[in-house]
Amino acid sequence: MTPGLVFFLLRLLLALLLYAFLGALLWMLWQDVRVAAAQAATRGRRLGRLVVLQSSLPQLPVGSEFPLMPITSLGRAPTNSATLPDDTASLEHALLHVRDGQWWLEDLGSRNGTRLNETFIHQASPVMAGDLIGIGRVELKIELE
């Protein structure tokens, strides 16, 4: 074998390795983009809703709905997922979140307490579809999808 042929074969092998590396790199980037897109779609997906069953507030009529997200905050502050314009509700009143496929309701140290099916809760409590959450003068029903 001549030295020119050996150098040609080595250059060809180097070019093939370079193209294989670039192909693998592009494939990994594509996979990462697909996973990120799937996570973003899951994050923005509604998991259910909270429906207002009782309210003495004109700003929050009966039948109003709030989307249920993986972490849904309830309270008077406008930064909450479900803003309840009730003077008897704390700014950050309660938290409704999903953990290991189970929904939990947690009172965040509110002054007037949080009711789950007419019982005041003092620690994180599991909730299911159809349960009633009472915060101040508002009663919400959980509807899961």
C-alpha atoms as a PDB file:
ATOM      1  CA  MET A   1       0.000   0.000   0.000  1.00  0.00           C
ATOM      2  CA  THR A   2       1.371   3.367  -0.931  1.00  0.00           C
ATOM      3  CA  PRO A   3       1.677   6.194   1.584  1.00  0.00           C
ATOM      4  CA  GLY A   4      -0.697   8.339  -0.502  1.00  0.00           C
ATOM      5  CA  LEU A   5      -3.408   5.665  -0.275  1.00  0.00           C
ATOM      6  CA  VAL A   6      -2.914   5.304   3.491  1.00  0.00           C
ATOM      7  CA  PHE A   7      -3.258   9.081   4.010  1.00  0.00           C
ATOM      8  CA  PHE A   8      -6.361   9.120   1.807  1.00  0.00           C
ATOM      9  CA  LEU A   9      -7.959   6.284   3.819  1.00  0.00           C
ATOM     10  CA  LEU A  10      -7.089   8.018   7.110  1.00  0.00           C
ATOM     11  CA  ARG A  11      -8.608  11.286   5.887  1.00  0.00           C
ATOM     12  CA  LEU A  12     -11.727   9.404   4.758  1.00  0.00           C
ATOM     13  CA  LEU A  13     -12.000   7.684   8.157  1.00  0.00           C
ATOM     14  CA  LEU A  14     -11.553  11.008   9.948  1.00  0.00           C
ATOM     15  CA  ALA A  15     -14.267  12.617   7.805  1.00  0.00           C
ATOM     16  CA  LEU A  16     -16.660   9.709   8.528  1.00  0.00           C
ATOM     17  CA  LEU A  17     -15.989   9.962  12.266  1.00  0.00           C
ATOM     18  CA  LEU A  18     -16.579  13.712  12.169  1.00  0.00           C
ATOM     19  CA  TYR A  19     -19.917  13.266  10.345  1.00  0.00           C
ATOM     20  CA  ALA A  20     -20.935  10.511  12.792  1.00  0.00           C
ATOM     21  CA  PHE A  21     -20.132  12.795  15.733  1.00  0.00           C
ATOM     22  CA  LEU A  22     -22.120  15.684  14.232  1.00  0.00           C
ATOM     23  CA  GLY A  23     -25.045  13.359  13.463  1.00  0.00           C
ATOM     24  CA  ALA A  24     -25.064  12.022  17.036  1.00  0.00           C
ATOM     25  CA  LEU A  25     -24.910  15.568  18.398  1.00  0.00           C
ATOM     26  CA  LEU A  26     -27.868  16.693  16.252  1.00  0.00           C
ATOM     27  CA  TRP A  27     -29.851  13.600  17.261  1.00  0.00           C
ATOM     28  CA  MET A  28     -29.284  14.315  20.980  1.00  0.00           C
ATOM     29  CA  LEU A  29     -30.316  17.958  20.523  1.00  0.00           C
ATOM     30  CA  TRP A  30     -33.494  16.869  18.721  1.00  0.00           C
ATOM     31  CA  GLN A  31     -34.363  14.458  21.557  1.00  0.00           C
ATOM     32  CA  ASP A  32     -33.823  17.192  24.132  1.00  0.00           C
ATOM     33  CA  VAL A  33     -36.108  19.590  22.240  1.00  0.00           C
ATOM     34  CA  ARG A  34     -38.834  16.920  22.058  1.00  0.00           C
ATOM     35  CA  VAL A  35     -38.647  16.250  25.810  1.00  0.00           C
ATOM     36  CA  ALA A  36     -38.717  19.975  26.627  1.00  0.00           C
ATOM     37  CA  ALA A  37     -41.759  20.493  24.388  1.00  0.00           C
ATOM     38  CA  ALA A  38     -43.588  17.592  26.051  1.00  0.00           C
ATOM     39  CA  GLN A  39     -42.824  18.974  29.527  1.00  0.00           C
ATOM     40  CA  ALA A  40     -44.022  22.435  28.536  1.00  0.00           C
ATOM     41  CA  ALA A  41     -47.272  20.993  27.175  1.00  0.00           C
ATOM     42  CA  THR A  42     -47.808  19.030  30.401  1.00  0.00           C
ATOM     43  CA  ARG A  43     -47.080  22.073  32.561  1.00  0.00           C
ATOM     44  CA  GLY A  44     -49.680  24.174  30.781  1.00  0.00           C
ATOM     45  CA  ARG A  45     -52.355  21.485  30.717  1.00  0.00           C
ATOM     46  CA  ARG A  46     -55.467  21.934  32.820  1.00  0.00           C
ATOM     47  CA  LEU A  47     -56.008  19.125  35.280  1.00  0.00           C
ATOM     48  CA  GLY A  48     -59.516  20.119  36.272  1.00  0.00           C
ATOM     49  CA  ARG A  49     -61.309  23.119  37.637  1.00  0.00           C
ATOM     50  CA  LEU A  50     -62.645  24.745  40.761  1.00  0.00           C
ATOM     51  CA  VAL A  51     -66.270  25.839  40.451  1.00  0.00           C
ATOM     52  CA  VAL A  52     -67.819  28.447  42.742  1.00  0.00           C
ATOM     53  CA  LEU A  53     -70.900  26.900  44.393  1.00  0.00           C
ATOM     54  CA  GLN A  54     -71.651  29.590  46.968  1.00  0.00           C
ATOM     55  CA  SER A  55     -70.523  33.183  47.114  1.00  0.00           C
ATOM     56  CA  SER A  56     -71.915  36.325  48.656  1.00  0.00           C
ATOM     57  CA  LEU A  57     -69.470  38.423  46.642  1.00  0.00           C
ATOM     58  CA  PRO A  58     -70.681  40.353  43.579  1.00  0.00           C
ATOM     59  CA  GLN A  59     -67.193  40.128  42.000  1.00  0.00           C
ATOM     60  CA  LEU A  60     -67.310  36.309  42.167  1.00  0.00           C
ATOM     61  CA  PRO A  61     -70.684  34.994  40.961  1.00  0.00           C
ATOM     62  CA  VAL A  62     -71.845  31.418  41.459  1.00  0.00           C
ATOM     63  CA  GLY A  63     -70.670  29.268  38.543  1.00  0.00           C
ATOM     64  CA  SER A  64     -67.338  31.055  38.118  1.00  0.00           C
ATOM     65  CA  GLU A  65     -64.467  28.699  37.347  1.00  0.00           C
ATOM     66  CA  PHE A  66     -60.743  28.585  38.040  1.00  0.00           C
ATOM     67  CA  PRO A  67     -58.416  26.208  36.148  1.00  0.00           C
ATOM     68  CA  LEU A  68     -56.783  23.588  38.325  1.00  0.00           C
ATOM     69  CA  MET A  69     -53.031  23.490  37.757  1.00  0.00           C
ATOM     70  CA  PRO A  70     -50.473  21.130  39.365  1.00  0.00           C
ATOM     71  CA  ILE A  71     -49.978  23.798  42.048  1.00  0.00           C
ATOM     72  CA  THR A  72     -53.003  26.049  42.542  1.00  0.00           C
ATOM     73  CA  SER A  73     -52.839  28.836  45.113  1.00  0.00           C
ATOM     74  CA  LEU A  74     -56.026  30.239  46.626  1.00  0.00           C
ATOM     75  CA  GLY A  75     -56.391  33.593  48.328  1.00  0.00           C
ATOM     76  CA  ARG A  76     -57.115  37.288  48.072  1.00  0.00           C
ATOM     77  CA  ALA A  77     -53.845  38.368  46.394  1.00  0.00           C
ATOM     78  CA  PRO A  78     -53.986  38.904  42.612  1.00  0.00           C
ATOM     79  CA  THR A  79     -50.922  36.661  42.222  1.00  0.00           C
ATOM     80  CA  ASN A  80     -52.904  33.541  43.208  1.00  0.00           C
ATOM     81  CA  SER A  81     -54.114  31.012  40.662  1.00  0.00           C
ATOM     82  CA  ALA A  82     -57.606  31.431  42.102  1.00  0.00           C
ATOM     83  CA  THR A  83     -58.108  34.991  43.326  1.00  0.00           C
ATOM     84  CA  LEU A  84     -60.948  35.265  45.839  1.00  0.00           C
ATOM     85  CA  PRO A  85     -61.908  38.930  46.440  1.00  0.00           C
ATOM     86  CA  ASP A  86     -63.128  38.189  49.966  1.00  0.00           C
ATOM     87  CA  ASP A  87     -62.045  40.263  52.994  1.00  0.00           C
ATOM     88  CA  THR A  88     -62.222  37.154  55.201  1.00  0.00           C
ATOM     89  CA  ALA A  89     -59.680  35.301  53.013  1.00  0.00           C
ATOM     90  CA  SER A  90     -55.957  35.729  53.595  1.00  0.00           C
ATOM     91  CA  LEU A  91     -53.707  37.024  50.834  1.00  0.00           C
ATOM     92  CA  GLU A  92     -52.129  33.558  50.538  1.00  0.00           C
ATOM     93  CA  HIS A  93     -54.852  31.415  52.073  1.00  0.00           C
ATOM     94  CA  ALA A  94     -54.511  27.815  50.862  1.00  0.00           C
ATOM     95  CA  LEU A  95     -52.635  25.623  48.427  1.00  0.00           C
ATOM     96  CA  LEU A  96     -54.064  22.820  46.310  1.00  0.00           C
ATOM     97  CA  HIS A  97     -51.411  20.604  44.744  1.00  0.00           C
ATOM     98  CA  VAL A  98     -50.905  17.156  43.281  1.00  0.00           C
ATOM     99  CA  ARG A  99     -48.268  14.840  44.720  1.00  0.00           C
ATOM    100  CA  ASP A 100     -47.742  11.252  43.520  1.00  0.00           C
ATOM    101  CA  GLY A 101     -51.080  11.280  41.701  1.00  0.00           C
ATOM    102  CA  GLN A 102     -53.038  12.404  44.799  1.00  0.00           C
ATOM    103  CA  TRP A 103     -54.468  15.906  45.298  1.00  0.00           C
ATOM    104  CA  TRP A 104     -53.791  17.660  48.606  1.00  0.00           C
ATOM    105  CA  LEU A 105     -55.292  20.776  50.205  1.00  0.00           C
ATOM    106  CA  GLU A 106     -53.126  22.707  52.625  1.00  0.00           C
ATOM    107  CA  ASP A 107     -54.020  25.727  54.742  1.00  0.00           C
ATOM    108  CA  LEU A 108     -51.199  28.281  54.692  1.00  0.00           C
ATOM    109  CA  GLY A 109     -51.710  29.547  58.233  1.00  0.00           C
ATOM    110  CA  SER A 110     -54.770  31.626  57.424  1.00  0.00           C
ATOM    111  CA  ARG A 111     -56.526  33.483  60.221  1.00  0.00           C
ATOM    112  CA  ASN A 112     -60.040  32.173  59.441  1.00  0.00           C
ATOM    113  CA  GLY A 113     -59.028  28.657  58.400  1.00  0.00           C
ATOM    114  CA  THR A 114     -59.801  26.476  55.410  1.00  0.00           C
ATOM    115  CA  ARG A 115     -62.712  24.057  55.297  1.00  0.00           C
ATOM    116  CA  LEU A 116     -62.759  20.744  53.460  1.00  0.00           C
ATOM    117  CA  ASN A 117     -66.285  19.310  53.269  1.00  0.00           C
ATOM    118  CA  GLU A 118     -67.346  21.629  56.146  1.00  0.00           C
ATOM    119  CA  THR A 119     -64.463  20.468  58.405  1.00  0.00           C
ATOM    120  CA  PHE A 120     -61.581  22.793  59.236  1.00  0.00           C
ATOM    121  CA  ILE A 121     -58.195  21.363  58.244  1.00  0.00           C
ATOM    122  CA  HIS A 122     -55.000  21.891  60.215  1.00  0.00           C
ATOM    123  CA  GLN A 123     -52.578  19.910  58.041  1.00  0.00           C
ATOM    124  CA  ALA A 124     -52.338  18.863  54.400  1.00  0.00           C
ATOM    125  CA  SER A 125     -55.401  16.742  53.617  1.00  0.00           C
ATOM    126  CA  PRO A 126     -56.128  14.552  50.584  1.00  0.00           C
ATOM    127  CA  VAL A 127     -58.962  15.707  48.341  1.00  0.00           C
ATOM    128  CA  MET A 128     -60.934  13.994  45.592  1.00  0.00           C
ATOM    129  CA  ALA A 129     -63.313  15.031  42.839  1.00  0.00           C
ATOM    130  CA  GLY A 130     -66.527  16.457  44.234  1.00  0.00           C
ATOM    131  CA  ASP A 131     -65.007  17.661  47.513  1.00  0.00           C
ATOM    132  CA  LEU A 132     -66.004  21.123  48.734  1.00  0.00           C
ATOM    133  CA  ILE A 133     -63.438  23.724  49.775  1.00  0.00           C
ATOM    134  CA  GLY A 134     -64.576  26.605  51.953  1.00  0.00           C
ATOM    135  CA  ILE A 135     -62.530  29.787  52.156  1.00  0.00           C
ATOM    136  CA  GLY A 136     -64.186  32.729  53.866  1.00  0.00           C
ATOM    137  CA  ARG A 137     -67.608  33.300  52.306  1.00  0.00           C
ATOM    138  CA  VAL A 138     -66.785  31.254  49.187  1.00  0.00           C
ATOM    139  CA  GLU A 139     -67.390  27.566  48.624  1.00  0.00           C
ATOM    140  CA  LEU A 140     -65.625  25.813  45.736  1.00  0.00           C
ATOM    141  CA  LYS A 141     -66.183  22.361  44.266  1.00  0.00           C
ATOM    142  CA  ILE A 142     -63.286  20.342  42.819  1.00  0.00           C
ATOM    143  CA  GLU A 143     -63.892  18.822  39.388  1.00  0.00           C
ATOM    144  CA  LEU A 144     -60.995  16.723  38.115  1.00  0.00           C
ATOM    145  CA  GLU A 145     -60.395  15.747  34.486  1.00  0.00           C
END
